[in-house]
Amino acid sequence: MKQTIAWLFCSLGIAGFAQGKLTTQFRVEGVCGMCEERIEAVLDVPGVVVADWDLASKELHVVYKPKKISEEQLHLLLNSVGHDTSKRRASDDQYAGIHSCCRYRESSGCSEGRDSKQ
């Protein structure tokens, strides 16, 4: 009986912990490790639990609390540091602010170090 009650409390605690969080995945343009650092750093804000960008697939995995931040705000934050997303394009001024090596809209970015953090 004690094990059943303990299991019930643990289950309710885990269920309560998981509530209020959403997971989303979308494309974010970038070409190198500096892009990865910038993308993940801009999402280090209240309401974002996990932000992990994969260079090879250009997919961003985000776990967030919708009561604190919206998916639209995630896209706006990424645009603010010069990165296009699957839903929003960064302005030309925002894009111009990224390092020349990170210029994913142009084919003449740095060829060295694209796959590694710089």
PDB file of N, CA and C in Angstrom:
ATOM      1  N   MET A   1       0.822  -1.197   0.000  1.00  0.00           N
ATOM      2  CA  MET A   1       0.000   0.000   0.000  1.00  0.00           C
ATOM      3  C   MET A   1       0.868   1.264   0.000  1.00  0.00           C
ATOM      4  N   LYS A   2       1.942   1.254   0.820  1.00  0.00           N
ATOM      5  CA  LYS A   2       2.813   2.416   0.879  1.00  0.00           C
ATOM      6  C   LYS A   2       3.479   2.656  -0.477  1.00  0.00           C
ATOM      7  N   GLN A   3       3.828   1.551  -1.149  1.00  0.00           N
ATOM      8  CA  GLN A   3       4.451   1.688  -2.467  1.00  0.00           C
ATOM      9  C   GLN A   3       3.476   2.297  -3.468  1.00  0.00           C
ATOM     10  N   THR A   4       2.228   1.913  -3.380  1.00  0.00           N
ATOM     11  CA  THR A   4       1.216   2.446  -4.281  1.00  0.00           C
ATOM     12  C   THR A   4       1.027   3.939  -4.051  1.00  0.00           C
ATOM     13  N   ILE A   5       0.967   4.356  -2.802  1.00  0.00           N
ATOM     14  CA  ILE A   5       0.801   5.774  -2.481  1.00  0.00           C
ATOM     15  C   ILE A   5       2.037   6.556  -2.929  1.00  0.00           C
ATOM     16  N   ALA A   6       3.219   6.022  -2.686  1.00  0.00           N
ATOM     17  CA  ALA A   6       4.453   6.679  -3.110  1.00  0.00           C
ATOM     18  C   ALA A   6       4.491   6.807  -4.635  1.00  0.00           C
ATOM     19  N   TRP A   7       4.115   5.755  -5.334  1.00  0.00           N
ATOM     20  CA  TRP A   7       4.088   5.781  -6.791  1.00  0.00           C
ATOM     21  C   TRP A   7       3.093   6.816  -7.293  1.00  0.00           C
ATOM     22  N   LEU A   8       1.928   6.908  -6.647  1.00  0.00           N
ATOM     23  CA  LEU A   8       0.901   7.869  -7.032  1.00  0.00           C
ATOM     24  C   LEU A   8       1.419   9.295  -6.886  1.00  0.00           C
ATOM     25  N   PHE A   9       2.075   9.600  -5.769  1.00  0.00           N
ATOM     26  CA  PHE A   9       2.611  10.944  -5.559  1.00  0.00           C
ATOM     27  C   PHE A   9       3.707  11.263  -6.573  1.00  0.00           C
ATOM     28  N   CYS A  10       4.549  10.309  -6.847  1.00  0.00           N
ATOM     29  CA  CYS A  10       5.603  10.520  -7.843  1.00  0.00           C
ATOM     30  C   CYS A  10       5.009  10.765  -9.217  1.00  0.00           C
ATOM     31  N   SER A  11       4.002   9.992  -9.573  1.00  0.00           N
ATOM     32  CA  SER A  11       3.353  10.153 -10.876  1.00  0.00           C
ATOM     33  C   SER A  11       2.699  11.514 -10.994  1.00  0.00           C
ATOM     34  N   LEU A  12       2.000  11.928  -9.969  1.00  0.00           N
ATOM     35  CA  LEU A  12       1.359  13.240  -9.993  1.00  0.00           C
ATOM     36  C   LEU A  12       2.398  14.351 -10.057  1.00  0.00           C
ATOM     37  N   GLY A  13       3.495  14.185  -9.354  1.00  0.00           N
ATOM     38  CA  GLY A  13       4.564  15.188  -9.392  1.00  0.00           C
ATOM     39  C   GLY A  13       5.178  15.312 -10.768  1.00  0.00           C
ATOM     40  N   ILE A  14       5.417  14.191 -11.416  1.00  0.00           N
ATOM     41  CA  ILE A  14       5.985  14.202 -12.756  1.00  0.00           C
ATOM     42  C   ILE A  14       4.992  14.793 -13.749  1.00  0.00           C
ATOM     43  N   ALA A  15       3.734  14.430 -13.637  1.00  0.00           N
ATOM     44  CA  ALA A  15       2.711  14.970 -14.529  1.00  0.00           C
ATOM     45  C   ALA A  15       2.583  16.473 -14.334  1.00  0.00           C
ATOM     46  N   GLY A  16       2.627  16.935 -13.097  1.00  0.00           N
ATOM     47  CA  GLY A  16       2.544  18.365 -12.824  1.00  0.00           C
ATOM     48  C   GLY A  16       3.741  19.111 -13.365  1.00  0.00           C
ATOM     49  N   PHE A  17       4.910  18.497 -13.284  1.00  0.00           N
ATOM     50  CA  PHE A  17       6.125  19.113 -13.783  1.00  0.00           C
ATOM     51  C   PHE A  17       6.074  19.260 -15.303  1.00  0.00           C
ATOM     52  N   ALA A  18       5.498  18.282 -15.989  1.00  0.00           N
ATOM     53  CA  ALA A  18       5.457  18.290 -17.444  1.00  0.00           C
ATOM     54  C   ALA A  18       4.396  19.240 -17.988  1.00  0.00           C
ATOM     55  N   GLN A  19       3.388  19.546 -17.208  1.00  0.00           N
ATOM     56  CA  GLN A  19       2.327  20.422 -17.674  1.00  0.00           C
ATOM     57  C   GLN A  19       2.859  21.829 -17.870  1.00  0.00           C
ATOM     58  N   GLY A  20       2.289  22.517 -18.826  1.00  0.00           N
ATOM     59  CA  GLY A  20       2.670  23.896 -19.050  1.00  0.00           C
ATOM     60  C   GLY A  20       3.867  24.082 -19.952  1.00  0.00           C
ATOM     61  N   LYS A  21       4.357  23.021 -20.558  1.00  0.00           N
ATOM     62  CA  LYS A  21       5.490  23.121 -21.477  1.00  0.00           C
ATOM     63  C   LYS A  21       5.084  22.591 -22.844  1.00  0.00           C
ATOM     64  N   LEU A  22       5.583  23.239 -23.858  1.00  0.00           N
ATOM     65  CA  LEU A  22       5.365  22.787 -25.225  1.00  0.00           C
ATOM     66  C   LEU A  22       6.708  22.540 -25.892  1.00  0.00           C
ATOM     67  N   THR A  23       6.694  21.667 -26.862  1.00  0.00           N
ATOM     68  CA  THR A  23       7.886  21.382 -27.649  1.00  0.00           C
ATOM     69  C   THR A  23       7.588  21.739 -29.095  1.00  0.00           C
ATOM     70  N   THR A  24       8.548  22.390 -29.724  1.00  0.00           N
ATOM     71  CA  THR A  24       8.400  22.711 -31.135  1.00  0.00           C
ATOM     72  C   THR A  24       9.740  22.511 -31.829  1.00  0.00           C
ATOM     73  N   GLN A  25       9.683  22.357 -33.114  1.00  0.00           N
ATOM     74  CA  GLN A  25      10.886  22.198 -33.918  1.00  0.00           C
ATOM     75  C   GLN A  25      10.655  22.933 -35.228  1.00  0.00           C
ATOM     76  N   PHE A  26      11.637  23.740 -35.640  1.00  0.00           N
ATOM     77  CA  PHE A  26      11.523  24.452 -36.900  1.00  0.00           C
ATOM     78  C   PHE A  26      12.905  24.784 -37.437  1.00  0.00           C
ATOM     79  N   ARG A  27      12.944  25.165 -38.695  1.00  0.00           N
ATOM     80  CA  ARG A  27      14.196  25.461 -39.386  1.00  0.00           C
ATOM     81  C   ARG A  27      14.680  26.863 -39.029  1.00  0.00           C
ATOM     82  N   VAL A  28      15.979  26.959 -38.789  1.00  0.00           N
ATOM     83  CA  VAL A  28      16.646  28.244 -38.576  1.00  0.00           C
ATOM     84  C   VAL A  28      17.898  28.235 -39.441  1.00  0.00           C
ATOM     85  N   GLU A  29      18.042  29.256 -40.273  1.00  0.00           N
ATOM     86  CA  GLU A  29      19.189  29.329 -41.175  1.00  0.00           C
ATOM     87  C   GLU A  29      20.462  29.695 -40.418  1.00  0.00           C
ATOM     88  N   GLY A  30      21.549  29.051 -40.787  1.00  0.00           N
ATOM     89  CA  GLY A  30      22.859  29.289 -40.206  1.00  0.00           C
ATOM     90  C   GLY A  30      23.851  28.369 -40.877  1.00  0.00           C
ATOM     91  N   VAL A  31      25.159  28.648 -40.678  1.00  0.00           N
ATOM     92  CA  VAL A  31      26.156  27.872 -41.405  1.00  0.00           C
ATOM     93  C   VAL A  31      27.320  27.353 -40.564  1.00  0.00           C
ATOM     94  N   CYS A  32      27.417  27.764 -39.300  1.00  0.00           N
ATOM     95  CA  CYS A  32      28.631  27.377 -38.570  1.00  0.00           C
ATOM     96  C   CYS A  32      28.392  27.327 -37.058  1.00  0.00           C
ATOM     97  N   GLY A  33      29.445  27.012 -36.350  1.00  0.00           N
ATOM     98  CA  GLY A  33      29.391  26.939 -34.901  1.00  0.00           C
ATOM     99  C   GLY A  33      29.085  28.282 -34.254  1.00  0.00           C
ATOM    100  N   MET A  34      29.555  29.368 -34.858  1.00  0.00           N
ATOM    101  CA  MET A  34      29.216  30.691 -34.311  1.00  0.00           C
ATOM    102  C   MET A  34      27.719  30.932 -34.423  1.00  0.00           C
ATOM    103  N   CYS A  35      27.139  30.496 -35.510  1.00  0.00           N
ATOM    104  CA  CYS A  35      25.684  30.612 -35.677  1.00  0.00           C
ATOM    105  C   CYS A  35      24.975  29.816 -34.580  1.00  0.00           C
ATOM    106  N   GLU A  36      25.440  28.611 -34.338  1.00  0.00           N
ATOM    107  CA  GLU A  36      24.837  27.762 -33.306  1.00  0.00           C
ATOM    108  C   GLU A  36      24.885  28.452 -31.945  1.00  0.00           C
ATOM    109  N   GLU A  37      26.029  29.009 -31.610  1.00  0.00           N
ATOM    110  CA  GLU A  37      26.159  29.702 -30.324  1.00  0.00           C
ATOM    111  C   GLU A  37      25.200  30.887 -30.237  1.00  0.00           C
ATOM    112  N   ARG A  38      25.104  31.664 -31.313  1.00  0.00           N
ATOM    113  CA  ARG A  38      24.230  32.840 -31.337  1.00  0.00           C
ATOM    114  C   ARG A  38      22.759  32.434 -31.231  1.00  0.00           C
ATOM    115  N   ILE A  39      22.371  31.424 -31.982  1.00  0.00           N
ATOM    116  CA  ILE A  39      20.989  30.950 -32.001  1.00  0.00           C
ATOM    117  C   ILE A  39      20.574  30.460 -30.614  1.00  0.00           C
ATOM    118  N   GLU A  40      21.399  29.637 -30.009  1.00  0.00           N
ATOM    119  CA  GLU A  40      21.062  29.085 -28.695  1.00  0.00           C
ATOM    120  C   GLU A  40      21.145  30.153 -27.609  1.00  0.00           C
ATOM    121  N   ALA A  41      22.089  31.082 -27.724  1.00  0.00           N
ATOM    122  CA  ALA A  41      22.245  32.122 -26.704  1.00  0.00           C
ATOM    123  C   ALA A  41      21.063  33.087 -26.677  1.00  0.00           C
ATOM    124  N   VAL A  42      20.538  33.453 -27.847  1.00  0.00           N
ATOM    125  CA  VAL A  42      19.428  34.406 -27.867  1.00  0.00           C
ATOM    126  C   VAL A  42      18.164  33.815 -27.244  1.00  0.00           C
ATOM    127  N   LEU A  43      18.099  32.493 -27.179  1.00  0.00           N
ATOM    128  CA  LEU A  43      16.935  31.834 -26.578  1.00  0.00           C
ATOM    129  C   LEU A  43      17.154  31.483 -25.116  1.00  0.00           C
ATOM    130  N   ASP A  44      18.222  31.997 -24.535  1.00  0.00           N
ATOM    131  CA  ASP A  44      18.465  31.821 -23.103  1.00  0.00           C
ATOM    132  C   ASP A  44      17.698  32.916 -22.364  1.00  0.00           C
ATOM    133  N   VAL A  45      16.378  32.771 -22.363  1.00  0.00           N
ATOM    134  CA  VAL A  45      15.472  33.765 -21.784  1.00  0.00           C
ATOM    135  C   VAL A  45      14.439  33.053 -20.907  1.00  0.00           C
ATOM    136  N   PRO A  46      13.796  33.786 -20.005  1.00  0.00           N
ATOM    137  CA  PRO A  46      12.738  33.175 -19.197  1.00  0.00           C
ATOM    138  C   PRO A  46      11.655  32.566 -20.092  1.00  0.00           C
ATOM    139  N   GLY A  47      11.270  31.372 -19.761  1.00  0.00           N
ATOM    140  CA  GLY A  47      10.240  30.670 -20.518  1.00  0.00           C
ATOM    141  C   GLY A  47      10.786  29.612 -21.462  1.00  0.00           C
ATOM    142  N   VAL A  48      12.054  29.717 -21.830  1.00  0.00           N
ATOM    143  CA  VAL A  48      12.663  28.703 -22.697  1.00  0.00           C
ATOM    144  C   VAL A  48      13.420  27.733 -21.804  1.00  0.00           C
ATOM    145  N   VAL A  49      13.015  26.475 -21.864  1.00  0.00           N
ATOM    146  CA  VAL A  49      13.613  25.435 -21.039  1.00  0.00           C
ATOM    147  C   VAL A  49      14.810  24.815 -21.753  1.00  0.00           C
ATOM    148  N   VAL A  50      14.642  24.520 -23.035  1.00  0.00           N
ATOM    149  CA  VAL A  50      15.691  23.897 -23.845  1.00  0.00           C
ATOM    150  C   VAL A  50      15.674  24.534 -25.222  1.00  0.00           C
ATOM    151  N   ALA A  51      16.851  24.844 -25.741  1.00  0.00           N
ATOM    152  CA  ALA A  51      16.991  25.297 -27.128  1.00  0.00           C
ATOM    153  C   ALA A  51      18.239  24.631 -27.680  1.00  0.00           C
ATOM    154  N   ASP A  52      18.062  23.789 -28.686  1.00  0.00           N
ATOM    155  CA  ASP A  52      19.185  23.049 -29.261  1.00  0.00           C
ATOM    156  C   ASP A  52      19.077  23.092 -30.778  1.00  0.00           C
ATOM    157  N   TRP A  53      20.063  23.742 -31.427  1.00  0.00           N
ATOM    158  CA  TRP A  53      20.076  23.856 -32.886  1.00  0.00           C
ATOM    159  C   TRP A  53      21.072  22.868 -33.465  1.00  0.00           C
ATOM    160  N   ASP A  54      20.658  22.156 -34.499  1.00  0.00           N
ATOM    161  CA  ASP A  54      21.507  21.176 -35.161  1.00  0.00           C
ATOM    162  C   ASP A  54      22.018  21.753 -36.476  1.00  0.00           C
ATOM    163  N   LEU A  55      23.329  21.901 -36.576  1.00  0.00           N
ATOM    164  CA  LEU A  55      23.955  22.495 -37.759  1.00  0.00           C
ATOM    165  C   LEU A  55      23.655  21.701 -39.031  1.00  0.00           C
ATOM    166  N   ALA A  56      23.746  20.396 -38.967  1.00  0.00           N
ATOM    167  CA  ALA A  56      23.566  19.570 -40.165  1.00  0.00           C
ATOM    168  C   ALA A  56      22.153  19.687 -40.750  1.00  0.00           C
ATOM    169  N   SER A  57      21.154  19.639 -39.900  1.00  0.00           N
ATOM    170  CA  SER A  57      19.771  19.687 -40.381  1.00  0.00           C
ATOM    171  C   SER A  57      19.189  21.094 -40.386  1.00  0.00           C
ATOM    172  N   LYS A  58      19.849  22.012 -39.674  1.00  0.00           N
ATOM    173  CA  LYS A  58      19.377  23.390 -39.488  1.00  0.00           C
ATOM    174  C   LYS A  58      18.037  23.435 -38.743  1.00  0.00           C
ATOM    175  N   GLU A  59      17.783  22.401 -37.960  1.00  0.00           N
ATOM    176  CA  GLU A  59      16.547  22.313 -37.179  1.00  0.00           C
ATOM    177  C   GLU A  59      16.819  22.738 -35.741  1.00  0.00           C
ATOM    178  N   LEU A  60      15.909  23.539 -35.218  1.00  0.00           N
ATOM    179  CA  LEU A  60      15.972  23.983 -33.830  1.00  0.00           C
ATOM    180  C   LEU A  60      14.896  23.262 -33.043  1.00  0.00           C
ATOM    181  N   HIS A  61      15.291  22.655 -31.948  1.00  0.00           N
ATOM    182  CA  HIS A  61      14.374  21.970 -31.036  1.00  0.00           C
ATOM    183  C   HIS A  61      14.240  22.869 -29.805  1.00  0.00           C
ATOM    184  N   VAL A  62      13.008  23.247 -29.475  1.00  0.00           N
ATOM    185  CA  VAL A  62      12.775  24.148 -28.341  1.00  0.00           C
ATOM    186  C   VAL A  62      11.677  23.576 -27.449  1.00  0.00           C
ATOM    187  N   VAL A  63      11.953  23.581 -26.150  1.00  0.00           N
ATOM    188  CA  VAL A  63      10.932  23.296 -25.135  1.00  0.00           C
ATOM    189  C   VAL A  63      10.730  24.621 -24.412  1.00  0.00           C
ATOM    190  N   TYR A  64       9.474  25.069 -24.348  1.00  0.00           N
ATOM    191  CA  TYR A  64       9.204  26.372 -23.764  1.00  0.00           C
ATOM    192  C   TYR A  64       7.883  26.377 -23.002  1.00  0.00           C
ATOM    193  N   LYS A  65       7.724  27.425 -22.183  1.00  0.00           N
ATOM    194  CA  LYS A  65       6.514  27.604 -21.395  1.00  0.00           C
ATOM    195  C   LYS A  65       5.665  28.688 -22.057  1.00  0.00           C
ATOM    196  N   PRO A  66       4.550  28.295 -22.670  1.00  0.00           N
ATOM    197  CA  PRO A  66       3.748  29.263 -23.428  1.00  0.00           C
ATOM    198  C   PRO A  66       3.127  30.372 -22.569  1.00  0.00           C
ATOM    199  N   LYS A  67       3.082  30.193 -21.264  1.00  0.00           N
ATOM    200  CA  LYS A  67       2.581  31.268 -20.403  1.00  0.00           C
ATOM    201  C   LYS A  67       3.620  32.379 -20.259  1.00  0.00           C
ATOM    202  N   LYS A  68       4.876  32.077 -20.585  1.00  0.00           N
ATOM    203  CA  LYS A  68       5.958  33.062 -20.453  1.00  0.00           C
ATOM    204  C   LYS A  68       6.457  33.591 -21.793  1.00  0.00           C
ATOM    205  N   ILE A  69       6.391  32.763 -22.834  1.00  0.00           N
ATOM    206  CA  ILE A  69       6.899  33.168 -24.150  1.00  0.00           C
ATOM    207  C   ILE A  69       6.116  32.417 -25.225  1.00  0.00           C
ATOM    208  N   SER A  70       5.856  33.090 -26.325  1.00  0.00           N
ATOM    209  CA  SER A  70       5.099  32.458 -27.416  1.00  0.00           C
ATOM    210  C   SER A  70       6.054  31.958 -28.501  1.00  0.00           C
ATOM    211  N   GLU A  71       5.544  31.100 -29.349  1.00  0.00           N
ATOM    212  CA  GLU A  71       6.351  30.618 -30.462  1.00  0.00           C
ATOM    213  C   GLU A  71       6.704  31.778 -31.386  1.00  0.00           C
ATOM    214  N   GLU A  72       5.794  32.697 -31.568  1.00  0.00           N
ATOM    215  CA  GLU A  72       6.065  33.887 -32.385  1.00  0.00           C
ATOM    216  C   GLU A  72       7.242  34.684 -31.813  1.00  0.00           C
ATOM    217  N   GLN A  73       7.289  34.814 -30.496  1.00  0.00           N
ATOM    218  CA  GLN A  73       8.401  35.531 -29.861  1.00  0.00           C
ATOM    219  C   GLN A  73       9.730  34.813 -30.081  1.00  0.00           C
ATOM    220  N   LEU A  74       9.706  33.486 -30.125  1.00  0.00           N
ATOM    221  CA  LEU A  74      10.926  32.727 -30.413  1.00  0.00           C
ATOM    222  C   LEU A  74      11.472  33.122 -31.786  1.00  0.00           C
ATOM    223  N   HIS A  75      10.587  33.169 -32.767  1.00  0.00           N
ATOM    224  CA  HIS A  75      10.986  33.535 -34.125  1.00  0.00           C
ATOM    225  C   HIS A  75      11.519  34.970 -34.158  1.00  0.00           C
ATOM    226  N   LEU A  76      10.856  35.881 -33.459  1.00  0.00           N
ATOM    227  CA  LEU A  76      11.299  37.278 -33.428  1.00  0.00           C
ATOM    228  C   LEU A  76      12.677  37.419 -32.782  1.00  0.00           C
ATOM    229  N   LEU A  77      12.933  36.663 -31.717  1.00  0.00           N
ATOM    230  CA  LEU A  77      14.245  36.701 -31.077  1.00  0.00           C
ATOM    231  C   LEU A  77      15.328  36.228 -32.045  1.00  0.00           C
ATOM    232  N   LEU A  78      15.053  35.163 -32.764  1.00  0.00           N
ATOM    233  CA  LEU A  78      16.026  34.634 -33.725  1.00  0.00           C
ATOM    234  C   LEU A  78      16.266  35.630 -34.853  1.00  0.00           C
ATOM    235  N   ASN A  79      15.202  36.277 -35.320  1.00  0.00           N
ATOM    236  CA  ASN A  79      15.356  37.310 -36.339  1.00  0.00           C
ATOM    237  C   ASN A  79      16.192  38.473 -35.823  1.00  0.00           C
ATOM    238  N   SER A  80      16.035  38.798 -34.545  1.00  0.00           N
ATOM    239  CA  SER A  80      16.731  39.955 -33.978  1.00  0.00           C
ATOM    240  C   SER A  80      18.253  39.805 -34.023  1.00  0.00           C
ATOM    241  N   VAL A  81      18.740  38.570 -34.074  1.00  0.00           N
ATOM    242  CA  VAL A  81      20.185  38.340 -34.170  1.00  0.00           C
ATOM    243  C   VAL A  81      20.599  37.922 -35.583  1.00  0.00           C
ATOM    244  N   GLY A  82      19.695  38.147 -36.563  1.00  0.00           N
ATOM    245  CA  GLY A  82      20.048  37.973 -37.961  1.00  0.00           C
ATOM    246  C   GLY A  82      19.730  36.654 -38.611  1.00  0.00           C
ATOM    247  N   HIS A  83      18.937  35.814 -37.960  1.00  0.00           N
ATOM    248  CA  HIS A  83      18.665  34.486 -38.527  1.00  0.00           C
ATOM    249  C   HIS A  83      17.228  34.364 -39.022  1.00  0.00           C
ATOM    250  N   ASP A  84      17.087  33.855 -40.247  1.00  0.00           N
ATOM    251  CA  ASP A  84      15.777  33.553 -40.811  1.00  0.00           C
ATOM    252  C   ASP A  84      15.274  32.259 -40.190  1.00  0.00           C
ATOM    253  N   THR A  85      13.959  32.180 -40.017  1.00  0.00           N
ATOM    254  CA  THR A  85      13.343  30.950 -39.536  1.00  0.00           C
ATOM    255  C   THR A  85      12.317  30.493 -40.571  1.00  0.00           C
ATOM    256  N   SER A  86      11.731  29.347 -40.331  1.00  0.00           N
ATOM    257  CA  SER A  86      10.741  28.822 -41.265  1.00  0.00           C
ATOM    258  C   SER A  86       9.487  29.695 -41.313  1.00  0.00           C
ATOM    259  N   LYS A  87       9.270  30.551 -40.314  1.00  0.00           N
ATOM    260  CA  LYS A  87       8.075  31.399 -40.294  1.00  0.00           C
ATOM    261  C   LYS A  87       8.358  32.870 -40.550  1.00  0.00           C
ATOM    262  N   ARG A  88       9.589  33.319 -40.302  1.00  0.00           N
ATOM    263  CA  ARG A  88       9.896  34.750 -40.412  1.00  0.00           C
ATOM    264  C   ARG A  88      11.299  34.953 -40.976  1.00  0.00           C
ATOM    265  N   ARG A  89      11.425  35.961 -41.783  1.00  0.00           N
ATOM    266  CA  ARG A  89      12.723  36.334 -42.344  1.00  0.00           C
ATOM    267  C   ARG A  89      13.265  37.529 -41.564  1.00  0.00           C
ATOM    268  N   ALA A  90      14.539  37.470 -41.186  1.00  0.00           N
ATOM    269  CA  ALA A  90      15.186  38.602 -40.525  1.00  0.00           C
ATOM    270  C   ALA A  90      15.246  39.773 -41.513  1.00  0.00           C
ATOM    271  N   SER A  91      15.155  40.983 -40.986  1.00  0.00           N
ATOM    272  CA  SER A  91      15.266  42.151 -41.860  1.00  0.00           C
ATOM    273  C   SER A  91      16.685  42.223 -42.416  1.00  0.00           C
ATOM    274  N   ASP A  92      16.861  42.993 -43.466  1.00  0.00           N
ATOM    275  CA  ASP A  92      18.192  43.159 -44.039  1.00  0.00           C
ATOM    276  C   ASP A  92      19.140  43.779 -43.020  1.00  0.00           C
ATOM    277  N   ASP A  93      18.645  44.718 -42.215  1.00  0.00           N
ATOM    278  CA  ASP A  93      19.478  45.337 -41.172  1.00  0.00           C
ATOM    279  C   ASP A  93      19.883  44.311 -40.119  1.00  0.00           C
ATOM    280  N   GLN A  94      18.953  43.458 -39.709  1.00  0.00           N
ATOM    281  CA  GLN A  94      19.273  42.416 -38.731  1.00  0.00           C
ATOM    282  C   GLN A  94      20.299  41.452 -39.309  1.00  0.00           C
ATOM    283  N   TYR A  95      20.090  41.046 -40.544  1.00  0.00           N
ATOM    284  CA  TYR A  95      21.011  40.119 -41.207  1.00  0.00           C
ATOM    285  C   TYR A  95      22.398  40.729 -41.347  1.00  0.00           C
ATOM    286  N   ALA A  96      22.471  42.005 -41.644  1.00  0.00           N
ATOM    287  CA  ALA A  96      23.758  42.687 -41.822  1.00  0.00           C
ATOM    288  C   ALA A  96      24.579  42.699 -40.537  1.00  0.00           C
ATOM    289  N   GLY A  97      23.936  42.488 -39.406  1.00  0.00           N
ATOM    290  CA  GLY A  97      24.639  42.510 -38.127  1.00  0.00           C
ATOM    291  C   GLY A  97      25.397  41.248 -37.782  1.00  0.00           C
ATOM    292  N   ILE A  98      25.212  40.179 -38.552  1.00  0.00           N
ATOM    293  CA  ILE A  98      25.939  38.948 -38.229  1.00  0.00           C
ATOM    294  C   ILE A  98      27.322  38.959 -38.863  1.00  0.00           C
ATOM    295  N   HIS A  99      28.205  38.160 -38.310  1.00  0.00           N
ATOM    296  CA  HIS A  99      29.584  38.057 -38.795  1.00  0.00           C
ATOM    297  C   HIS A  99      29.577  37.658 -40.262  1.00  0.00           C
ATOM    298  N   SER A 100      30.540  38.153 -41.018  1.00  0.00           N
ATOM    299  CA  SER A 100      30.587  37.871 -42.458  1.00  0.00           C
ATOM    300  C   SER A 100      30.673  36.372 -42.764  1.00  0.00           C
ATOM    301  N   CYS A 101      31.270  35.609 -41.872  1.00  0.00           N
ATOM    302  CA  CYS A 101      31.375  34.165 -42.059  1.00  0.00           C
ATOM    303  C   CYS A 101      30.011  33.481 -41.941  1.00  0.00           C
ATOM    304  N   CYS A 102      29.087  34.142 -41.286  1.00  0.00           N
ATOM    305  CA  CYS A 102      27.778  33.546 -40.995  1.00  0.00           C
ATOM    306  C   CYS A 102      26.705  33.934 -42.014  1.00  0.00           C
ATOM    307  N   ARG A 103      27.087  34.555 -43.093  1.00  0.00           N
ATOM    308  CA  ARG A 103      26.125  35.060 -44.083  1.00  0.00           C
ATOM    309  C   ARG A 103      25.576  33.907 -44.923  1.00  0.00           C
ATOM    310  N   TYR A 104      24.552  33.279 -44.414  1.00  0.00           N
ATOM    311  CA  TYR A 104      23.965  32.098 -45.053  1.00  0.00           C
ATOM    312  C   TYR A 104      23.187  32.431 -46.317  1.00  0.00           C
ATOM    313  N   ARG A 105      22.779  33.686 -46.507  1.00  0.00           N
ATOM    314  CA  ARG A 105      22.046  34.058 -47.720  1.00  0.00           C
ATOM    315  C   ARG A 105      22.985  34.211 -48.913  1.00  0.00           C
ATOM    316  N   GLU A 106      24.258  34.345 -48.637  1.00  0.00           N
ATOM    317  CA  GLU A 106      25.252  34.528 -49.681  1.00  0.00           C
ATOM    318  C   GLU A 106      26.076  33.258 -49.812  1.00  0.00           C
ATOM    319  N   SER A 107      26.526  32.978 -50.988  1.00  0.00           N
ATOM    320  CA  SER A 107      27.318  31.761 -51.185  1.00  0.00           C
ATOM    321  C   SER A 107      28.791  31.982 -50.879  1.00  0.00           C
ATOM    322  N   SER A 108      29.188  33.216 -50.570  1.00  0.00           N
ATOM    323  CA  SER A 108      30.612  33.510 -50.395  1.00  0.00           C
ATOM    324  C   SER A 108      31.037  33.612 -48.935  1.00  0.00           C
ATOM    325  N   GLY A 109      30.348  32.909 -48.045  1.00  0.00           N
ATOM    326  CA  GLY A 109      30.757  32.920 -46.642  1.00  0.00           C
ATOM    327  C   GLY A 109      32.056  32.156 -46.460  1.00  0.00           C
ATOM    328  N   CYS A 110      32.566  32.142 -45.252  1.00  0.00           N
ATOM    329  CA  CYS A 110      33.805  31.415 -44.960  1.00  0.00           C
ATOM    330  C   CYS A 110      33.612  29.936 -45.252  1.00  0.00           C
ATOM    331  N   SER A 111      34.583  29.330 -45.868  1.00  0.00           N
ATOM    332  CA  SER A 111      34.482  27.890 -46.109  1.00  0.00           C
ATOM    333  C   SER A 111      35.161  27.113 -45.002  1.00  0.00           C
ATOM    334  N   GLU A 112      36.076  27.749 -44.283  1.00  0.00           N
ATOM    335  CA  GLU A 112      36.770  27.076 -43.197  1.00  0.00           C
ATOM    336  C   GLU A 112      35.935  27.163 -41.930  1.00  0.00           C
ATOM    337  N   GLY A 113      35.898  26.089 -41.188  1.00  0.00           N
ATOM    338  CA  GLY A 113      35.269  26.104 -39.888  1.00  0.00           C
ATOM    339  C   GLY A 113      33.765  26.132 -39.870  1.00  0.00           C
ATOM    340  N   ARG A 114      33.115  25.898 -40.992  1.00  0.00           N
ATOM    341  CA  ARG A 114      31.645  25.925 -41.001  1.00  0.00           C
ATOM    342  C   ARG A 114      31.050  24.830 -40.120  1.00  0.00           C
ATOM    343  N   ASP A 115      31.740  23.726 -40.012  1.00  0.00           N
ATOM    344  CA  ASP A 115      31.192  22.618 -39.237  1.00  0.00           C
ATOM    345  C   ASP A 115      31.677  22.606 -37.796  1.00  0.00           C
ATOM    346  N   SER A 116      32.520  23.534 -37.437  1.00  0.00           N
ATOM    347  CA  SER A 116      33.021  23.538 -36.067  1.00  0.00           C
ATOM    348  C   SER A 116      32.796  24.906 -35.450  1.00  0.00           C
ATOM    349  N   LYS A 117      32.744  24.919 -34.134  1.00  0.00           N
ATOM    350  CA  LYS A 117      32.569  26.173 -33.440  1.00  0.00           C
ATOM    351  C   LYS A 117      33.836  27.002 -33.575  1.00  0.00           C
ATOM    352  N   GLN A 118      33.649  28.289 -33.778  1.00  0.00           N
ATOM    353  CA  GLN A 118      34.786  29.173 -33.956  1.00  0.00           C
ATOM    354  C   GLN A 118      34.932  30.068 -32.776  1.00  0.00           C
TER     355      GLN A 118
END
